[in-house]
Amino acid sequence: MVKKTNEIISQAELDNLLMLNDFIDQKDNKSLVNELKKAILDSGKLQLTQWLTLRKQLLEIEELIPHIDLIIKLKKED
């Protein structure tokens, strides 16, 4: 019996998809943006090293935005 491995999703891939969907579909005050706003309003919540790490991660996200915009544009045209 030949198993088609290209149609099987691993548990790790499934977990990542679920985590991404949870991240995107946040409708309450637990979204990333709301958490960042809370941290900014209470800047004592994070240490300097944590702010620096956060800024580095945000820079990485900023680099992805043009790619995300392109995907959105292409999907709208489709």
PDB file of N, CA and C in Angstrom:
ATOM      1  N   MET A   1       0.833  -1.176   0.000  1.00  0.00           N
ATOM      2  CA  MET A   1       0.000   0.000   0.000  1.00  0.00           C
ATOM      3  C   MET A   1       0.884   1.247   0.000  1.00  0.00           C
ATOM      4  N   VAL A   2       0.627   2.162  -0.932  1.00  0.00           N
ATOM      5  CA  VAL A   2       1.407   3.387  -1.045  1.00  0.00           C
ATOM      6  C   VAL A   2       0.661   4.511  -0.329  1.00  0.00           C
ATOM      7  N   LYS A   3       1.367   5.161   0.522  1.00  0.00           N
ATOM      8  CA  LYS A   3       0.791   6.245   1.320  1.00  0.00           C
ATOM      9  C   LYS A   3       1.118   7.587   0.671  1.00  0.00           C
ATOM     10  N   LYS A   4       0.115   8.430   0.489  1.00  0.00           N
ATOM     11  CA  LYS A   4       0.341   9.761  -0.077  1.00  0.00           C
ATOM     12  C   LYS A   4       0.683  10.723   1.049  1.00  0.00           C
ATOM     13  N   THR A   5       1.960  10.981   1.220  1.00  0.00           N
ATOM     14  CA  THR A   5       2.388  11.840   2.322  1.00  0.00           C
ATOM     15  C   THR A   5       2.147  13.317   2.027  1.00  0.00           C
ATOM     16  N   ASN A   6       2.000  13.676   0.752  1.00  0.00           N
ATOM     17  CA  ASN A   6       1.799  15.087   0.448  1.00  0.00           C
ATOM     18  C   ASN A   6       0.394  15.569   0.808  1.00  0.00           C
ATOM     19  N   GLU A   7      -0.507  14.690   1.155  1.00  0.00           N
ATOM     20  CA  GLU A   7      -1.853  15.078   1.531  1.00  0.00           C
ATOM     21  C   GLU A   7      -2.064  15.020   3.041  1.00  0.00           C
ATOM     22  N   ILE A   8      -1.053  14.615   3.759  1.00  0.00           N
ATOM     23  CA  ILE A   8      -1.175  14.483   5.209  1.00  0.00           C
ATOM     24  C   ILE A   8      -0.561  15.705   5.863  1.00  0.00           C
ATOM     25  N   ILE A   9      -1.292  16.280   6.795  1.00  0.00           N
ATOM     26  CA  ILE A   9      -0.785  17.437   7.529  1.00  0.00           C
ATOM     27  C   ILE A   9      -0.307  16.953   8.895  1.00  0.00           C
ATOM     28  N   SER A  10       0.844  17.420   9.278  1.00  0.00           N
ATOM     29  CA  SER A  10       1.392  16.994  10.558  1.00  0.00           C
ATOM     30  C   SER A  10       0.696  17.726  11.694  1.00  0.00           C
ATOM     31  N   GLN A  11       0.830  17.213  12.883  1.00  0.00           N
ATOM     32  CA  GLN A  11       0.235  17.860  14.057  1.00  0.00           C
ATOM     33  C   GLN A  11       0.842  19.240  14.262  1.00  0.00           C
ATOM     34  N   ALA A  12       2.138  19.357  14.020  1.00  0.00           N
ATOM     35  CA  ALA A  12       2.806  20.655  14.177  1.00  0.00           C
ATOM     36  C   ALA A  12       2.246  21.677  13.188  1.00  0.00           C
ATOM     37  N   GLU A  13       2.021  21.248  11.936  1.00  0.00           N
ATOM     38  CA  GLU A  13       1.448  22.153  10.942  1.00  0.00           C
ATOM     39  C   GLU A  13       0.024  22.549  11.328  1.00  0.00           C
ATOM     40  N   LEU A  14      -0.736  21.598  11.814  1.00  0.00           N
ATOM     41  CA  LEU A  14      -2.099  21.872  12.262  1.00  0.00           C
ATOM     42  C   LEU A  14      -2.098  22.849  13.430  1.00  0.00           C
ATOM     43  N   ASP A  15      -1.210  22.622  14.391  1.00  0.00           N
ATOM     44  CA  ASP A  15      -1.098  23.532  15.535  1.00  0.00           C
ATOM     45  C   ASP A  15      -0.746  24.945  15.076  1.00  0.00           C
ATOM     46  N   ASN A  16       0.188  25.042  14.119  1.00  0.00           N
ATOM     47  CA  ASN A  16       0.581  26.354  13.612  1.00  0.00           C
ATOM     48  C   ASN A  16      -0.570  27.062  12.911  1.00  0.00           C
ATOM     49  N   LEU A  17      -1.345  26.300  12.121  1.00  0.00           N
ATOM     50  CA  LEU A  17      -2.493  26.889  11.444  1.00  0.00           C
ATOM     51  C   LEU A  17      -3.531  27.369  12.442  1.00  0.00           C
ATOM     52  N   LEU A  18      -3.794  26.581  13.454  1.00  0.00           N
ATOM     53  CA  LEU A  18      -4.769  26.965  14.466  1.00  0.00           C
ATOM     54  C   LEU A  18      -4.296  28.195  15.235  1.00  0.00           C
ATOM     55  N   MET A  19      -3.021  28.224  15.564  1.00  0.00           N
ATOM     56  CA  MET A  19      -2.474  29.361  16.286  1.00  0.00           C
ATOM     57  C   MET A  19      -2.568  30.621  15.423  1.00  0.00           C
ATOM     58  N   LEU A  20      -2.264  30.503  14.134  1.00  0.00           N
ATOM     59  CA  LEU A  20      -2.335  31.644  13.233  1.00  0.00           C
ATOM     60  C   LEU A  20      -3.780  32.130  13.110  1.00  0.00           C
ATOM     61  N   ASN A  21      -4.722  31.209  12.962  1.00  0.00           N
ATOM     62  CA  ASN A  21      -6.124  31.602  12.873  1.00  0.00           C
ATOM     63  C   ASN A  21      -6.593  32.258  14.159  1.00  0.00           C
ATOM     64  N   ASP A  22      -6.186  31.746  15.306  1.00  0.00           N
ATOM     65  CA  ASP A  22      -6.547  32.372  16.579  1.00  0.00           C
ATOM     66  C   ASP A  22      -5.983  33.784  16.658  1.00  0.00           C
ATOM     67  N   PHE A  23      -4.758  33.940  16.194  1.00  0.00           N
ATOM     68  CA  PHE A  23      -4.102  35.244  16.209  1.00  0.00           C
ATOM     69  C   PHE A  23      -4.853  36.243  15.328  1.00  0.00           C
ATOM     70  N   ILE A  24      -5.262  35.803  14.143  1.00  0.00           N
ATOM     71  CA  ILE A  24      -5.926  36.680  13.189  1.00  0.00           C
ATOM     72  C   ILE A  24      -7.356  36.988  13.617  1.00  0.00           C
ATOM     73  N   ASP A  25      -8.066  36.001  14.129  1.00  0.00           N
ATOM     74  CA  ASP A  25      -9.489  36.145  14.415  1.00  0.00           C
ATOM     75  C   ASP A  25      -9.800  36.673  15.805  1.00  0.00           C
ATOM     76  N   GLN A  26      -8.815  37.206  16.499  1.00  0.00           N
ATOM     77  CA  GLN A  26      -9.061  37.735  17.847  1.00  0.00           C
ATOM     78  C   GLN A  26     -10.074  38.868  17.781  1.00  0.00           C
ATOM     79  N   LYS A  27     -11.170  38.719  18.504  1.00  0.00           N
ATOM     80  CA  LYS A  27     -12.189  39.754  18.515  1.00  0.00           C
ATOM     81  C   LYS A  27     -12.308  40.402  19.893  1.00  0.00           C
ATOM     82  N   ASP A  28     -11.626  39.864  20.860  1.00  0.00           N
ATOM     83  CA  ASP A  28     -11.704  40.431  22.203  1.00  0.00           C
ATOM     84  C   ASP A  28     -10.456  41.269  22.476  1.00  0.00           C
ATOM     85  N   ASN A  29     -10.213  41.563  23.706  1.00  0.00           N
ATOM     86  CA  ASN A  29      -9.077  42.412  24.065  1.00  0.00           C
ATOM     87  C   ASN A  29      -7.776  41.639  24.208  1.00  0.00           C
ATOM     88  N   LYS A  30      -7.686  40.457  23.637  1.00  0.00           N
ATOM     89  CA  LYS A  30      -6.475  39.667  23.750  1.00  0.00           C
ATOM     90  C   LYS A  30      -5.699  39.635  22.441  1.00  0.00           C
ATOM     91  N   SER A  31      -6.003  40.532  21.522  1.00  0.00           N
ATOM     92  CA  SER A  31      -5.273  40.567  20.263  1.00  0.00           C
ATOM     93  C   SER A  31      -3.875  41.139  20.498  1.00  0.00           C
ATOM     94  N   LEU A  32      -3.003  40.911  19.559  1.00  0.00           N
ATOM     95  CA  LEU A  32      -1.638  41.411  19.660  1.00  0.00           C
ATOM     96  C   LEU A  32      -1.634  42.931  19.779  1.00  0.00           C
ATOM     97  N   VAL A  33      -2.447  43.595  18.985  1.00  0.00           N
ATOM     98  CA  VAL A  33      -2.485  45.056  19.003  1.00  0.00           C
ATOM     99  C   VAL A  33      -2.937  45.564  20.370  1.00  0.00           C
ATOM    100  N   ASN A  34      -3.973  44.963  20.926  1.00  0.00           N
ATOM    101  CA  ASN A  34      -4.448  45.394  22.243  1.00  0.00           C
ATOM    102  C   ASN A  34      -3.412  45.140  23.330  1.00  0.00           C
ATOM    103  N   GLU A  35      -2.717  44.016  23.232  1.00  0.00           N
ATOM    104  CA  GLU A  35      -1.672  43.725  24.211  1.00  0.00           C
ATOM    105  C   GLU A  35      -0.531  44.738  24.105  1.00  0.00           C
ATOM    106  N   LEU A  36      -0.182  45.129  22.874  1.00  0.00           N
ATOM    107  CA  LEU A  36       0.859  46.139  22.687  1.00  0.00           C
ATOM    108  C   LEU A  36       0.414  47.489  23.244  1.00  0.00           C
ATOM    109  N   LYS A  37      -0.836  47.848  23.009  1.00  0.00           N
ATOM    110  CA  LYS A  37      -1.351  49.110  23.546  1.00  0.00           C
ATOM    111  C   LYS A  37      -1.281  49.118  25.068  1.00  0.00           C
ATOM    112  N   LYS A  38      -1.661  48.003  25.692  1.00  0.00           N
ATOM    113  CA  LYS A  38      -1.600  47.921  27.152  1.00  0.00           C
ATOM    114  C   LYS A  38      -0.164  48.061  27.643  1.00  0.00           C
ATOM    115  N   ALA A  39       0.761  47.409  26.944  1.00  0.00           N
ATOM    116  CA  ALA A  39       2.171  47.480  27.340  1.00  0.00           C
ATOM    117  C   ALA A  39       2.709  48.894  27.196  1.00  0.00           C
ATOM    118  N   ILE A  40       2.281  49.597  26.143  1.00  0.00           N
ATOM    119  CA  ILE A  40       2.742  50.969  25.934  1.00  0.00           C
ATOM    120  C   ILE A  40       2.176  51.890  27.004  1.00  0.00           C
ATOM    121  N   LEU A  41       0.891  51.707  27.316  1.00  0.00           N
ATOM    122  CA  LEU A  41       0.269  52.548  28.335  1.00  0.00           C
ATOM    123  C   LEU A  41       0.889  52.326  29.711  1.00  0.00           C
ATOM    124  N   ASP A  42       1.342  51.105  29.957  1.00  0.00           N
ATOM    125  CA  ASP A  42       2.017  50.790  31.217  1.00  0.00           C
ATOM    126  C   ASP A  42       3.423  50.320  30.865  1.00  0.00           C
ATOM    127  N   SER A  43       4.266  51.270  30.469  1.00  0.00           N
ATOM    128  CA  SER A  43       5.587  50.915  29.949  1.00  0.00           C
ATOM    129  C   SER A  43       6.444  50.165  30.955  1.00  0.00           C
ATOM    130  N   GLY A  44       6.061  50.172  32.224  1.00  0.00           N
ATOM    131  CA  GLY A  44       6.801  49.431  33.231  1.00  0.00           C
ATOM    132  C   GLY A  44       6.596  47.934  33.151  1.00  0.00           C
ATOM    133  N   LYS A  45       5.630  47.502  32.326  1.00  0.00           N
ATOM    134  CA  LYS A  45       5.375  46.068  32.196  1.00  0.00           C
ATOM    135  C   LYS A  45       6.544  45.336  31.538  1.00  0.00           C
ATOM    136  N   LEU A  46       7.271  46.046  30.684  1.00  0.00           N
ATOM    137  CA  LEU A  46       8.379  45.425  29.967  1.00  0.00           C
ATOM    138  C   LEU A  46       9.693  46.094  30.345  1.00  0.00           C
ATOM    139  N   GLN A  47      10.733  45.278  30.399  1.00  0.00           N
ATOM    140  CA  GLN A  47      12.084  45.787  30.631  1.00  0.00           C
ATOM    141  C   GLN A  47      12.661  46.268  29.304  1.00  0.00           C
ATOM    142  N   LEU A  48      13.741  47.040  29.353  1.00  0.00           N
ATOM    143  CA  LEU A  48      14.357  47.565  28.143  1.00  0.00           C
ATOM    144  C   LEU A  48      14.697  46.449  27.155  1.00  0.00           C
ATOM    145  N   THR A  49      15.261  45.356  27.638  1.00  0.00           N
ATOM    146  CA  THR A  49      15.623  44.265  26.727  1.00  0.00           C
ATOM    147  C   THR A  49      14.380  43.686  26.046  1.00  0.00           C
ATOM    148  N   GLN A  50      13.266  43.653  26.767  1.00  0.00           N
ATOM    149  CA  GLN A  50      12.031  43.150  26.167  1.00  0.00           C
ATOM    150  C   GLN A  50      11.507  44.122  25.113  1.00  0.00           C
ATOM    151  N   TRP A  51      11.607  45.442  25.371  1.00  0.00           N
ATOM    152  CA  TRP A  51      11.204  46.428  24.370  1.00  0.00           C
ATOM    153  C   TRP A  51      12.067  46.305  23.126  1.00  0.00           C
ATOM    154  N   LEU A  52      13.366  46.099  23.308  1.00  0.00           N
ATOM    155  CA  LEU A  52      14.276  45.950  22.162  1.00  0.00           C
ATOM    156  C   LEU A  52      13.949  44.699  21.359  1.00  0.00           C
ATOM    157  N   THR A  53      13.654  43.608  22.040  1.00  0.00           N
ATOM    158  CA  THR A  53      13.274  42.371  21.362  1.00  0.00           C
ATOM    159  C   THR A  53      11.965  42.559  20.610  1.00  0.00           C
ATOM    160  N   LEU A  54      11.008  43.207  21.254  1.00  0.00           N
ATOM    161  CA  LEU A  54       9.723  43.477  20.610  1.00  0.00           C
ATOM    162  C   LEU A  54       9.917  44.315  19.359  1.00  0.00           C
ATOM    163  N   ARG A  55      10.747  45.344  19.446  1.00  0.00           N
ATOM    164  CA  ARG A  55      10.974  46.202  18.282  1.00  0.00           C
ATOM    165  C   ARG A  55      11.620  45.427  17.146  1.00  0.00           C
ATOM    166  N   LYS A  56      12.539  44.540  17.468  1.00  0.00           N
ATOM    167  CA  LYS A  56      13.182  43.711  16.442  1.00  0.00           C
ATOM    168  C   LYS A  56      12.142  42.829  15.751  1.00  0.00           C
ATOM    169  N   GLN A  57      11.243  42.255  16.524  1.00  0.00           N
ATOM    170  CA  GLN A  57      10.201  41.406  15.947  1.00  0.00           C
ATOM    171  C   GLN A  57       9.246  42.218  15.081  1.00  0.00           C
ATOM    172  N   LEU A  58       8.930  43.435  15.516  1.00  0.00           N
ATOM    173  CA  LEU A  58       8.052  44.293  14.721  1.00  0.00           C
ATOM    174  C   LEU A  58       8.717  44.680  13.395  1.00  0.00           C
ATOM    175  N   LEU A  59      10.019  44.882  13.409  1.00  0.00           N
ATOM    176  CA  LEU A  59      10.740  45.163  12.160  1.00  0.00           C
ATOM    177  C   LEU A  59      10.621  43.993  11.191  1.00  0.00           C
ATOM    178  N   GLU A  60      10.688  42.780  11.707  1.00  0.00           N
ATOM    179  CA  GLU A  60      10.533  41.595  10.860  1.00  0.00           C
ATOM    180  C   GLU A  60       9.133  41.557  10.257  1.00  0.00           C
ATOM    181  N   ILE A  61       8.125  41.909  11.045  1.00  0.00           N
ATOM    182  CA  ILE A  61       6.748  41.953  10.542  1.00  0.00           C
ATOM    183  C   ILE A  61       6.621  43.032   9.465  1.00  0.00           C
ATOM    184  N   GLU A  62       7.233  44.184   9.706  1.00  0.00           N
ATOM    185  CA  GLU A  62       7.188  45.272   8.725  1.00  0.00           C
ATOM    186  C   GLU A  62       7.770  44.835   7.386  1.00  0.00           C
ATOM    187  N   GLU A  63       8.792  44.000   7.399  1.00  0.00           N
ATOM    188  CA  GLU A  63       9.388  43.506   6.163  1.00  0.00           C
ATOM    189  C   GLU A  63       8.432  42.584   5.416  1.00  0.00           C
ATOM    190  N   LEU A  64       7.524  41.930   6.135  1.00  0.00           N
ATOM    191  CA  LEU A  64       6.578  41.007   5.509  1.00  0.00           C
ATOM    192  C   LEU A  64       5.358  41.712   4.923  1.00  0.00           C
ATOM    193  N   ILE A  65       5.095  42.932   5.342  1.00  0.00           N
ATOM    194  CA  ILE A  65       3.880  43.635   4.927  1.00  0.00           C
ATOM    195  C   ILE A  65       3.749  43.756   3.405  1.00  0.00           C
ATOM    196  N   PRO A  66       4.792  44.120   2.659  1.00  0.00           N
ATOM    197  CA  PRO A  66       4.621  44.178   1.202  1.00  0.00           C
ATOM    198  C   PRO A  66       4.210  42.839   0.594  1.00  0.00           C
ATOM    199  N   HIS A  67       4.721  41.745   1.136  1.00  0.00           N
ATOM    200  CA  HIS A  67       4.360  40.423   0.630  1.00  0.00           C
ATOM    201  C   HIS A  67       2.898  40.117   0.948  1.00  0.00           C
ATOM    202  N   ILE A  68       2.475  40.474   2.149  1.00  0.00           N
ATOM    203  CA  ILE A  68       1.084  40.267   2.554  1.00  0.00           C
ATOM    204  C   ILE A  68       0.166  41.104   1.670  1.00  0.00           C
ATOM    205  N   ASP A  69       0.562  42.356   1.413  1.00  0.00           N
ATOM    206  CA  ASP A  69      -0.234  43.224   0.545  1.00  0.00           C
ATOM    207  C   ASP A  69      -0.369  42.644  -0.849  1.00  0.00           C
ATOM    208  N   LEU A  70       0.706  42.073  -1.372  1.00  0.00           N
ATOM    209  CA  LEU A  70       0.665  41.455  -2.693  1.00  0.00           C
ATOM    210  C   LEU A  70      -0.288  40.263  -2.702  1.00  0.00           C
ATOM    211  N   ILE A  71      -0.221  39.431  -1.685  1.00  0.00           N
ATOM    212  CA  ILE A  71      -1.117  38.279  -1.602  1.00  0.00           C
ATOM    213  C   ILE A  71      -2.572  38.742  -1.558  1.00  0.00           C
ATOM    214  N   ILE A  72      -2.853  39.760  -0.760  1.00  0.00           N
ATOM    215  CA  ILE A  72      -4.216  40.294  -0.662  1.00  0.00           C
ATOM    216  C   ILE A  72      -4.670  40.800  -2.031  1.00  0.00           C
ATOM    217  N   LYS A  73      -3.807  41.557  -2.714  1.00  0.00           N
ATOM    218  CA  LYS A  73      -4.160  42.094  -4.027  1.00  0.00           C
ATOM    219  C   LYS A  73      -4.467  40.984  -5.026  1.00  0.00           C
ATOM    220  N   LEU A  74      -3.604  39.971  -5.054  1.00  0.00           N
ATOM    221  CA  LEU A  74      -3.797  38.868  -6.003  1.00  0.00           C
ATOM    222  C   LEU A  74      -5.063  38.075  -5.685  1.00  0.00           C
ATOM    223  N   LYS A  75      -5.337  37.861  -4.404  1.00  0.00           N
ATOM    224  CA  LYS A  75      -6.544  37.131  -4.037  1.00  0.00           C
ATOM    225  C   LYS A  75      -7.815  37.922  -4.369  1.00  0.00           C
ATOM    226  N   LYS A  76      -7.756  39.235  -4.229  1.00  0.00           N
ATOM    227  CA  LYS A  76      -8.901  40.070  -4.603  1.00  0.00           C
ATOM    228  C   LYS A  76      -9.149  40.029  -6.095  1.00  0.00           C
ATOM    229  N   GLU A  77      -8.075  39.979  -6.882  1.00  0.00           N
ATOM    230  CA  GLU A  77      -8.201  39.943  -8.342  1.00  0.00           C
ATOM    231  C   GLU A  77      -8.695  38.592  -8.832  1.00  0.00           C
ATOM    232  N   ASP A  78      -8.463  37.562  -8.056  1.00  0.00           N
ATOM    233  CA  ASP A  78      -8.830  36.197  -8.475  1.00  0.00           C
ATOM    234  C   ASP A  78     -10.280  35.965  -8.409  1.00  0.00           C
TER     235      ASP A  78
END
